[in-house]
Amino acid sequence: MQKRTVQRGRPVGSTTYEPEPALAFGQAVRAARMEQGMAQEELASLAEIERSHMGKIERGEHMPTLALILRIAAALNRSAADLIAATEKNLRSGLTT
């Protein structure tokens, strides 16, 4: 029996970026930030990321990692579960189109 080799990385054709969830998450972050009257720059500073990256997240141009979602949630004094629930609500209501 031949030993199979394991290839590193994603399978061919797969992606890590899906626009709808990224946009829905960005809308959830922006709504939470605005609800607190917080500037984007302040949120980025509290989450320890670049302001331009925060802008891309809010516009749905970047999908953050789990670690970054946790930092954003902490900076907003919310749980990551709250942000994900808001993301799911945005997806269900079709706000991302």
PDB file of N, CA and C in Angstrom:
ATOM      1  N   MET A   1       0.847  -1.176   0.000  1.00  0.00           N
ATOM      2  CA  MET A   1       0.000   0.000   0.000  1.00  0.00           C
ATOM      3  C   MET A   1       0.892   1.239   0.000  1.00  0.00           C
ATOM      4  N   GLN A   2       0.594   2.156  -0.895  1.00  0.00           N
ATOM      5  CA  GLN A   2       1.379   3.376  -1.006  1.00  0.00           C
ATOM      6  C   GLN A   2       0.931   4.399   0.023  1.00  0.00           C
ATOM      7  N   LYS A   3       1.896   5.067   0.600  1.00  0.00           N
ATOM      8  CA  LYS A   3       1.584   6.121   1.565  1.00  0.00           C
ATOM      9  C   LYS A   3       1.208   7.390   0.801  1.00  0.00           C
ATOM     10  N   ARG A   4       0.071   7.988   1.189  1.00  0.00           N
ATOM     11  CA  ARG A   4      -0.364   9.227   0.538  1.00  0.00           C
ATOM     12  C   ARG A   4       0.381  10.413   1.131  1.00  0.00           C
ATOM     13  N   THR A   5       0.687  11.353   0.273  1.00  0.00           N
ATOM     14  CA  THR A   5       1.312  12.575   0.762  1.00  0.00           C
ATOM     15  C   THR A   5       0.233  13.603   1.043  1.00  0.00           C
ATOM     16  N   VAL A   6       0.441  14.346   2.081  1.00  0.00           N
ATOM     17  CA  VAL A   6      -0.504  15.392   2.456  1.00  0.00           C
ATOM     18  C   VAL A   6       0.021  16.714   1.928  1.00  0.00           C
ATOM     19  N   GLN A   7      -0.821  17.393   1.168  1.00  0.00           N
ATOM     20  CA  GLN A   7      -0.421  18.687   0.642  1.00  0.00           C
ATOM     21  C   GLN A   7      -0.909  19.782   1.570  1.00  0.00           C
ATOM     22  N   ARG A   8      -0.058  20.751   1.774  1.00  0.00           N
ATOM     23  CA  ARG A   8      -0.410  21.882   2.615  1.00  0.00           C
ATOM     24  C   ARG A   8      -1.260  22.875   1.860  1.00  0.00           C
ATOM     25  N   GLY A   9      -2.005  23.669   2.625  1.00  0.00           N
ATOM     26  CA  GLY A   9      -2.787  24.741   2.022  1.00  0.00           C
ATOM     27  C   GLY A   9      -4.207  24.328   1.703  1.00  0.00           C
ATOM     28  N   ARG A  10      -4.907  25.243   1.096  1.00  0.00           N
ATOM     29  CA  ARG A  10      -6.306  25.017   0.732  1.00  0.00           C
ATOM     30  C   ARG A  10      -6.404  24.134  -0.499  1.00  0.00           C
ATOM     31  N   PRO A  11      -7.504  23.402  -0.611  1.00  0.00           N
ATOM     32  CA  PRO A  11      -7.720  22.638  -1.843  1.00  0.00           C
ATOM     33  C   PRO A  11      -7.831  23.583  -3.039  1.00  0.00           C
ATOM     34  N   VAL A  12      -7.458  23.103  -4.185  1.00  0.00           N
ATOM     35  CA  VAL A  12      -7.517  23.902  -5.407  1.00  0.00           C
ATOM     36  C   VAL A  12      -8.950  24.370  -5.633  1.00  0.00           C
ATOM     37  N   GLY A  13      -9.098  25.651  -5.917  1.00  0.00           N
ATOM     38  CA  GLY A  13     -10.408  26.212  -6.211  1.00  0.00           C
ATOM     39  C   GLY A  13     -11.148  26.767  -5.004  1.00  0.00           C
ATOM     40  N   SER A  14     -10.648  26.514  -3.800  1.00  0.00           N
ATOM     41  CA  SER A  14     -11.345  27.040  -2.628  1.00  0.00           C
ATOM     42  C   SER A  14     -10.869  28.453  -2.322  1.00  0.00           C
ATOM     43  N   THR A  15     -11.732  29.201  -1.659  1.00  0.00           N
ATOM     44  CA  THR A  15     -11.383  30.562  -1.289  1.00  0.00           C
ATOM     45  C   THR A  15     -11.686  30.776   0.181  1.00  0.00           C
ATOM     46  N   THR A  16     -11.126  31.811   0.755  1.00  0.00           N
ATOM     47  CA  THR A  16     -11.433  32.144   2.139  1.00  0.00           C
ATOM     48  C   THR A  16     -12.312  33.386   2.208  1.00  0.00           C
ATOM     49  N   TYR A  17     -12.611  33.963   1.072  1.00  0.00           N
ATOM     50  CA  TYR A  17     -13.403  35.189   1.065  1.00  0.00           C
ATOM     51  C   TYR A  17     -14.749  34.949   0.408  1.00  0.00           C
ATOM     52  N   GLU A  18     -15.790  35.247   1.128  1.00  0.00           N
ATOM     53  CA  GLU A  18     -17.137  35.213   0.577  1.00  0.00           C
ATOM     54  C   GLU A  18     -17.738  36.589   0.837  1.00  0.00           C
ATOM     55  N   PRO A  19     -18.165  37.299  -0.207  1.00  0.00           N
ATOM     56  CA  PRO A  19     -18.593  38.684  -0.044  1.00  0.00           C
ATOM     57  C   PRO A  19     -19.803  38.901   0.861  1.00  0.00           C
ATOM     58  N   GLU A  20     -20.810  38.035   0.794  1.00  0.00           N
ATOM     59  CA  GLU A  20     -22.031  38.278   1.576  1.00  0.00           C
ATOM     60  C   GLU A  20     -21.776  38.240   3.082  1.00  0.00           C
ATOM     61  N   PRO A  21     -21.139  37.177   3.610  1.00  0.00           N
ATOM     62  CA  PRO A  21     -20.876  37.181   5.055  1.00  0.00           C
ATOM     63  C   PRO A  21     -19.916  38.296   5.474  1.00  0.00           C
ATOM     64  N   ALA A  22     -18.953  38.611   4.618  1.00  0.00           N
ATOM     65  CA  ALA A  22     -18.012  39.679   4.946  1.00  0.00           C
ATOM     66  C   ALA A  22     -18.742  41.010   5.071  1.00  0.00           C
ATOM     67  N   LEU A  23     -19.639  41.285   4.144  1.00  0.00           N
ATOM     68  CA  LEU A  23     -20.404  42.530   4.175  1.00  0.00           C
ATOM     69  C   LEU A  23     -21.354  42.553   5.372  1.00  0.00           C
ATOM     70  N   ALA A  24     -21.996  41.421   5.647  1.00  0.00           N
ATOM     71  CA  ALA A  24     -22.924  41.342   6.787  1.00  0.00           C
ATOM     72  C   ALA A  24     -22.183  41.551   8.105  1.00  0.00           C
ATOM     73  N   PHE A  25     -20.982  40.991   8.226  1.00  0.00           N
ATOM     74  CA  PHE A  25     -20.196  41.186   9.439  1.00  0.00           C
ATOM     75  C   PHE A  25     -19.765  42.647   9.552  1.00  0.00           C
ATOM     76  N   GLY A  26     -19.321  43.226   8.449  1.00  0.00           N
ATOM     77  CA  GLY A  26     -18.914  44.622   8.460  1.00  0.00           C
ATOM     78  C   GLY A  26     -20.038  45.542   8.879  1.00  0.00           C
ATOM     79  N   GLN A  27     -21.255  45.248   8.409  1.00  0.00           N
ATOM     80  CA  GLN A  27     -22.417  46.050   8.793  1.00  0.00           C
ATOM     81  C   GLN A  27     -22.716  45.903  10.279  1.00  0.00           C
ATOM     82  N   ALA A  28     -22.526  44.690  10.814  1.00  0.00           N
ATOM     83  CA  ALA A  28     -22.756  44.459  12.241  1.00  0.00           C
ATOM     84  C   ALA A  28     -21.746  45.237  13.083  1.00  0.00           C
ATOM     85  N   VAL A  29     -20.497  45.244  12.651  1.00  0.00           N
ATOM     86  CA  VAL A  29     -19.456  45.980  13.381  1.00  0.00           C
ATOM     87  C   VAL A  29     -19.739  47.479  13.334  1.00  0.00           C
ATOM     88  N   ARG A  30     -20.050  47.978  12.146  1.00  0.00           N
ATOM     89  CA  ARG A  30     -20.325  49.412  12.001  1.00  0.00           C
ATOM     90  C   ARG A  30     -21.519  49.839  12.855  1.00  0.00           C
ATOM     91  N   ALA A  31     -22.583  49.042  12.853  1.00  0.00           N
ATOM     92  CA  ALA A  31     -23.773  49.371  13.647  1.00  0.00           C
ATOM     93  C   ALA A  31     -23.438  49.405  15.134  1.00  0.00           C
ATOM     94  N   ALA A  32     -22.657  48.437  15.601  1.00  0.00           N
ATOM     95  CA  ALA A  32     -22.271  48.395  17.019  1.00  0.00           C
ATOM     96  C   ALA A  32     -21.398  49.601  17.371  1.00  0.00           C
ATOM     97  N   ARG A  33     -20.496  49.944  16.467  1.00  0.00           N
ATOM     98  CA  ARG A  33     -19.603  51.094  16.703  1.00  0.00           C
ATOM     99  C   ARG A  33     -20.400  52.393  16.740  1.00  0.00           C
ATOM    100  N   MET A  34     -21.294  52.564  15.792  1.00  0.00           N
ATOM    101  CA  MET A  34     -22.099  53.786  15.730  1.00  0.00           C
ATOM    102  C   MET A  34     -23.032  53.895  16.937  1.00  0.00           C
ATOM    103  N   GLU A  35     -23.564  52.764  17.378  1.00  0.00           N
ATOM    104  CA  GLU A  35     -24.442  52.736  18.548  1.00  0.00           C
ATOM    105  C   GLU A  35     -23.725  53.280  19.782  1.00  0.00           C
ATOM    106  N   GLN A  36     -22.421  53.051  19.836  1.00  0.00           N
ATOM    107  CA  GLN A  36     -21.627  53.533  20.966  1.00  0.00           C
ATOM    108  C   GLN A  36     -21.039  54.918  20.720  1.00  0.00           C
ATOM    109  N   GLY A  37     -21.279  55.469  19.561  1.00  0.00           N
ATOM    110  CA  GLY A  37     -20.744  56.789  19.245  1.00  0.00           C
ATOM    111  C   GLY A  37     -19.226  56.789  19.142  1.00  0.00           C
ATOM    112  N   MET A  38     -18.681  55.686  18.685  1.00  0.00           N
ATOM    113  CA  MET A  38     -17.235  55.514  18.614  1.00  0.00           C
ATOM    114  C   MET A  38     -16.744  55.763  17.193  1.00  0.00           C
ATOM    115  N   ALA A  39     -15.640  56.453  17.066  1.00  0.00           N
ATOM    116  CA  ALA A  39     -15.031  56.679  15.755  1.00  0.00           C
ATOM    117  C   ALA A  39     -14.333  55.403  15.299  1.00  0.00           C
ATOM    118  N   GLN A  40     -14.256  55.236  14.002  1.00  0.00           N
ATOM    119  CA  GLN A  40     -13.594  54.062  13.440  1.00  0.00           C
ATOM    120  C   GLN A  40     -12.139  53.982  13.896  1.00  0.00           C
ATOM    121  N   GLU A  41     -11.488  55.117  13.947  1.00  0.00           N
ATOM    122  CA  GLU A  41     -10.090  55.151  14.374  1.00  0.00           C
ATOM    123  C   GLU A  41      -9.940  54.681  15.821  1.00  0.00           C
ATOM    124  N   GLU A  42     -10.868  55.069  16.675  1.00  0.00           N
ATOM    125  CA  GLU A  42     -10.828  54.649  18.073  1.00  0.00           C
ATOM    126  C   GLU A  42     -11.025  53.139  18.193  1.00  0.00           C
ATOM    127  N   LEU A  43     -11.981  52.596  17.447  1.00  0.00           N
ATOM    128  CA  LEU A  43     -12.222  51.153  17.472  1.00  0.00           C
ATOM    129  C   LEU A  43     -10.990  50.402  16.988  1.00  0.00           C
ATOM    130  N   ALA A  44     -10.401  50.871  15.914  1.00  0.00           N
ATOM    131  CA  ALA A  44      -9.198  50.224  15.382  1.00  0.00           C
ATOM    132  C   ALA A  44      -8.077  50.238  16.415  1.00  0.00           C
ATOM    133  N   SER A  45      -7.917  51.349  17.086  1.00  0.00           N
ATOM    134  CA  SER A  45      -6.882  51.455  18.116  1.00  0.00           C
ATOM    135  C   SER A  45      -7.135  50.486  19.263  1.00  0.00           C
ATOM    136  N   LEU A  46      -8.385  50.427  19.724  1.00  0.00           N
ATOM    137  CA  LEU A  46      -8.726  49.517  20.821  1.00  0.00           C
ATOM    138  C   LEU A  46      -8.555  48.049  20.420  1.00  0.00           C
ATOM    139  N   ALA A  47      -8.828  47.742  19.157  1.00  0.00           N
ATOM    140  CA  ALA A  47      -8.689  46.370  18.661  1.00  0.00           C
ATOM    141  C   ALA A  47      -7.264  46.067  18.215  1.00  0.00           C
ATOM    142  N   GLU A  48      -6.413  47.085  18.249  1.00  0.00           N
ATOM    143  CA  GLU A  48      -4.997  46.972  17.879  1.00  0.00           C
ATOM    144  C   GLU A  48      -4.801  46.530  16.432  1.00  0.00           C
ATOM    145  N   ILE A  49      -5.554  47.200  15.529  1.00  0.00           N
ATOM    146  CA  ILE A  49      -5.361  46.979  14.097  1.00  0.00           C
ATOM    147  C   ILE A  49      -5.291  48.342  13.406  1.00  0.00           C
ATOM    148  N   GLU A  50      -4.837  48.341  12.185  1.00  0.00           N
ATOM    149  CA  GLU A  50      -4.760  49.584  11.413  1.00  0.00           C
ATOM    150  C   GLU A  50      -6.159  50.102  11.096  1.00  0.00           C
ATOM    151  N   ARG A  51      -6.336  51.417  11.109  1.00  0.00           N
ATOM    152  CA  ARG A  51      -7.631  52.004  10.808  1.00  0.00           C
ATOM    153  C   ARG A  51      -8.088  51.640   9.407  1.00  0.00           C
ATOM    154  N   SER A  52      -7.166  51.604   8.460  1.00  0.00           N
ATOM    155  CA  SER A  52      -7.541  51.267   7.086  1.00  0.00           C
ATOM    156  C   SER A  52      -8.065  49.830   6.999  1.00  0.00           C
ATOM    157  N   HIS A  53      -7.502  48.940   7.797  1.00  0.00           N
ATOM    158  CA  HIS A  53      -7.982  47.560   7.812  1.00  0.00           C
ATOM    159  C   HIS A  53      -9.387  47.507   8.411  1.00  0.00           C
ATOM    160  N   MET A  54      -9.622  48.299   9.458  1.00  0.00           N
ATOM    161  CA  MET A  54     -10.960  48.351  10.057  1.00  0.00           C
ATOM    162  C   MET A  54     -11.974  48.842   9.024  1.00  0.00           C
ATOM    163  N   GLY A  55     -11.594  49.828   8.242  1.00  0.00           N
ATOM    164  CA  GLY A  55     -12.473  50.332   7.190  1.00  0.00           C
ATOM    165  C   GLY A  55     -12.801  49.256   6.174  1.00  0.00           C
ATOM    166  N   LYS A  56     -11.814  48.462   5.795  1.00  0.00           N
ATOM    167  CA  LYS A  56     -12.038  47.382   4.837  1.00  0.00           C
ATOM    168  C   LYS A  56     -12.951  46.308   5.424  1.00  0.00           C
ATOM    169  N   ILE A  57     -12.809  46.047   6.719  1.00  0.00           N
ATOM    170  CA  ILE A  57     -13.691  45.080   7.380  1.00  0.00           C
ATOM    171  C   ILE A  57     -15.119  45.607   7.367  1.00  0.00           C
ATOM    172  N   GLU A  58     -15.297  46.874   7.747  1.00  0.00           N
ATOM    173  CA  GLU A  58     -16.643  47.453   7.788  1.00  0.00           C
ATOM    174  C   GLU A  58     -17.291  47.525   6.400  1.00  0.00           C
ATOM    175  N   ARG A  59     -16.503  47.699   5.373  1.00  0.00           N
ATOM    176  CA  ARG A  59     -17.049  47.754   4.012  1.00  0.00           C
ATOM    177  C   ARG A  59     -17.236  46.363   3.409  1.00  0.00           C
ATOM    178  N   GLY A  60     -16.824  45.328   4.134  1.00  0.00           N
ATOM    179  CA  GLY A  60     -16.965  43.965   3.644  1.00  0.00           C
ATOM    180  C   GLY A  60     -15.918  43.565   2.632  1.00  0.00           C
ATOM    181  N   GLU A  61     -14.817  44.294   2.600  1.00  0.00           N
ATOM    182  CA  GLU A  61     -13.738  43.988   1.659  1.00  0.00           C
ATOM    183  C   GLU A  61     -12.769  42.958   2.219  1.00  0.00           C
ATOM    184  N   HIS A  62     -12.734  42.787   3.522  1.00  0.00           N
ATOM    185  CA  HIS A  62     -11.883  41.795   4.183  1.00  0.00           C
ATOM    186  C   HIS A  62     -12.717  40.976   5.147  1.00  0.00           C
ATOM    187  N   MET A  63     -12.429  39.689   5.229  1.00  0.00           N
ATOM    188  CA  MET A  63     -13.065  38.808   6.203  1.00  0.00           C
ATOM    189  C   MET A  63     -12.042  38.571   7.313  1.00  0.00           C
ATOM    190  N   PRO A  64     -12.324  39.057   8.528  1.00  0.00           N
ATOM    191  CA  PRO A  64     -11.354  38.910   9.606  1.00  0.00           C
ATOM    192  C   PRO A  64     -11.251  37.472  10.112  1.00  0.00           C
ATOM    193  N   THR A  65     -10.122  37.173  10.705  1.00  0.00           N
ATOM    194  CA  THR A  65      -9.918  35.867  11.332  1.00  0.00           C
ATOM    195  C   THR A  65     -10.683  35.817  12.644  1.00  0.00           C
ATOM    196  N   LEU A  66     -10.782  34.640  13.213  1.00  0.00           N
ATOM    197  CA  LEU A  66     -11.457  34.484  14.494  1.00  0.00           C
ATOM    198  C   LEU A  66     -10.771  35.324  15.566  1.00  0.00           C
ATOM    199  N   ALA A  67      -9.442  35.321  15.578  1.00  0.00           N
ATOM    200  CA  ALA A  67      -8.703  36.108  16.574  1.00  0.00           C
ATOM    201  C   ALA A  67      -9.056  37.592  16.456  1.00  0.00           C
ATOM    202  N   LEU A  68      -9.173  38.083  15.241  1.00  0.00           N
ATOM    203  CA  LEU A  68      -9.494  39.489  15.028  1.00  0.00           C
ATOM    204  C   LEU A  68     -10.949  39.781  15.398  1.00  0.00           C
ATOM    205  N   ILE A  69     -11.846  38.853  15.115  1.00  0.00           N
ATOM    206  CA  ILE A  69     -13.244  39.028  15.518  1.00  0.00           C
ATOM    207  C   ILE A  69     -13.330  39.153  17.031  1.00  0.00           C
ATOM    208  N   LEU A  70     -12.577  38.336  17.744  1.00  0.00           N
ATOM    209  CA  LEU A  70     -12.576  38.401  19.208  1.00  0.00           C
ATOM    210  C   LEU A  70     -12.036  39.740  19.706  1.00  0.00           C
ATOM    211  N   ARG A  71     -10.992  40.267  19.051  1.00  0.00           N
ATOM    212  CA  ARG A  71     -10.436  41.565  19.458  1.00  0.00           C
ATOM    213  C   ARG A  71     -11.406  42.701  19.165  1.00  0.00           C
ATOM    214  N   ILE A  72     -12.079  42.645  18.033  1.00  0.00           N
ATOM    215  CA  ILE A  72     -13.065  43.678  17.683  1.00  0.00           C
ATOM    216  C   ILE A  72     -14.215  43.640  18.682  1.00  0.00           C
ATOM    217  N   ALA A  73     -14.698  42.451  18.999  1.00  0.00           N
ATOM    218  CA  ALA A  73     -15.795  42.312  19.960  1.00  0.00           C
ATOM    219  C   ALA A  73     -15.393  42.874  21.317  1.00  0.00           C
ATOM    220  N   ALA A  74     -14.197  42.559  21.776  1.00  0.00           N
ATOM    221  CA  ALA A  74     -13.728  43.068  23.065  1.00  0.00           C
ATOM    222  C   ALA A  74     -13.628  44.589  23.039  1.00  0.00           C
ATOM    223  N   ALA A  75     -13.159  45.143  21.935  1.00  0.00           N
ATOM    224  CA  ALA A  75     -13.048  46.598  21.809  1.00  0.00           C
ATOM    225  C   ALA A  75     -14.416  47.264  21.838  1.00  0.00           C
ATOM    226  N   LEU A  76     -15.440  46.537  21.392  1.00  0.00           N
ATOM    227  CA  LEU A  76     -16.806  47.059  21.391  1.00  0.00           C
ATOM    228  C   LEU A  76     -17.553  46.718  22.685  1.00  0.00           C
ATOM    229  N   ASN A  77     -16.868  46.055  23.620  1.00  0.00           N
ATOM    230  CA  ASN A  77     -17.489  45.596  24.868  1.00  0.00           C
ATOM    231  C   ASN A  77     -18.697  44.705  24.597  1.00  0.00           C
ATOM    232  N   ARG A  78     -18.549  43.839  23.609  1.00  0.00           N
ATOM    233  CA  ARG A  78     -19.588  42.882  23.242  1.00  0.00           C
ATOM    234  C   ARG A  78     -18.953  41.514  23.130  1.00  0.00           C
ATOM    235  N   SER A  79     -19.794  40.510  23.081  1.00  0.00           N
ATOM    236  CA  SER A  79     -19.268  39.171  22.839  1.00  0.00           C
ATOM    237  C   SER A  79     -19.186  38.942  21.328  1.00  0.00           C
ATOM    238  N   ALA A  80     -18.304  38.052  20.953  1.00  0.00           N
ATOM    239  CA  ALA A  80     -18.217  37.689  19.538  1.00  0.00           C
ATOM    240  C   ALA A  80     -19.537  37.072  19.089  1.00  0.00           C
ATOM    241  N   ALA A  81     -20.209  36.384  19.997  1.00  0.00           N
ATOM    242  CA  ALA A  81     -21.504  35.770  19.682  1.00  0.00           C
ATOM    243  C   ALA A  81     -22.523  36.841  19.288  1.00  0.00           C
ATOM    244  N   ASP A  82     -22.494  37.993  19.966  1.00  0.00           N
ATOM    245  CA  ASP A  82     -23.408  39.080  19.617  1.00  0.00           C
ATOM    246  C   ASP A  82     -23.142  39.584  18.198  1.00  0.00           C
ATOM    247  N   LEU A  83     -21.862  39.730  17.852  1.00  0.00           N
ATOM    248  CA  LEU A  83     -21.520  40.203  16.508  1.00  0.00           C
ATOM    249  C   LEU A  83     -21.923  39.181  15.444  1.00  0.00           C
ATOM    250  N   ILE A  84     -21.722  37.898  15.753  1.00  0.00           N
ATOM    251  CA  ILE A  84     -22.090  36.860  14.799  1.00  0.00           C
ATOM    252  C   ILE A  84     -23.607  36.790  14.652  1.00  0.00           C
ATOM    253  N   ALA A  85     -24.336  36.939  15.763  1.00  0.00           N
ATOM    254  CA  ALA A  85     -25.807  36.943  15.701  1.00  0.00           C
ATOM    255  C   ALA A  85     -26.294  38.109  14.838  1.00  0.00           C
ATOM    256  N   ALA A  86     -25.684  39.280  14.988  1.00  0.00           N
ATOM    257  CA  ALA A  86     -26.051  40.435  14.170  1.00  0.00           C
ATOM    258  C   ALA A  86     -25.704  40.180  12.704  1.00  0.00           C
ATOM    259  N   THR A  87     -24.599  39.497  12.470  1.00  0.00           N
ATOM    260  CA  THR A  87     -24.202  39.141  11.103  1.00  0.00           C
ATOM    261  C   THR A  87     -25.242  38.224  10.478  1.00  0.00           C
ATOM    262  N   GLU A  88     -25.664  37.215  11.237  1.00  0.00           N
ATOM    263  CA  GLU A  88     -26.672  36.287  10.727  1.00  0.00           C
ATOM    264  C   GLU A  88     -27.994  37.007  10.447  1.00  0.00           C
ATOM    265  N   LYS A  89     -28.355  37.935  11.312  1.00  0.00           N
ATOM    266  CA  LYS A  89     -29.583  38.707  11.103  1.00  0.00           C
ATOM    267  C   LYS A  89     -29.479  39.521   9.805  1.00  0.00           C
ATOM    268  N   ASN A  90     -28.313  40.147   9.582  1.00  0.00           N
ATOM    269  CA  ASN A  90     -28.103  40.906   8.352  1.00  0.00           C
ATOM    270  C   ASN A  90     -28.217  40.010   7.126  1.00  0.00           C
ATOM    271  N   LEU A  91     -27.685  38.807   7.208  1.00  0.00           N
ATOM    272  CA  LEU A  91     -27.763  37.880   6.082  1.00  0.00           C
ATOM    273  C   LEU A  91     -29.213  37.464   5.818  1.00  0.00           C
ATOM    274  N   ARG A  92     -29.937  37.164   6.875  1.00  0.00           N
ATOM    275  CA  ARG A  92     -31.345  36.733   6.719  1.00  0.00           C
ATOM    276  C   ARG A  92     -32.226  37.838   6.162  1.00  0.00           C
ATOM    277  N   SER A  93     -31.960  39.068   6.583  1.00  0.00           N
ATOM    278  CA  SER A  93     -32.821  40.172   6.150  1.00  0.00           C
ATOM    279  C   SER A  93     -32.433  40.716   4.784  1.00  0.00           C
ATOM    280  N   GLY A  94     -31.345  40.209   4.233  1.00  0.00           N
ATOM    281  CA  GLY A  94     -30.942  40.628   2.894  1.00  0.00           C
ATOM    282  C   GLY A  94     -30.328  42.004   2.837  1.00  0.00           C
ATOM    283  N   LEU A  95     -29.798  42.495   3.953  1.00  0.00           N
ATOM    284  CA  LEU A  95     -29.202  43.839   3.970  1.00  0.00           C
ATOM    285  C   LEU A  95     -27.910  43.922   3.198  1.00  0.00           C
ATOM    286  N   THR A  96     -27.339  42.792   2.826  1.00  0.00           N
ATOM    287  CA  THR A  96     -26.032  42.796   2.164  1.00  0.00           C
ATOM    288  C   THR A  96     -26.125  42.954   0.656  1.00  0.00           C
ATOM    289  N   THR A  97     -27.326  43.028   0.135  1.00  0.00           N
ATOM    290  CA  THR A  97     -27.441  43.132  -1.323  1.00  0.00           C
ATOM    291  C   THR A  97     -27.574  44.560  -1.772  1.00  0.00           C
TER     292      THR A  97
END
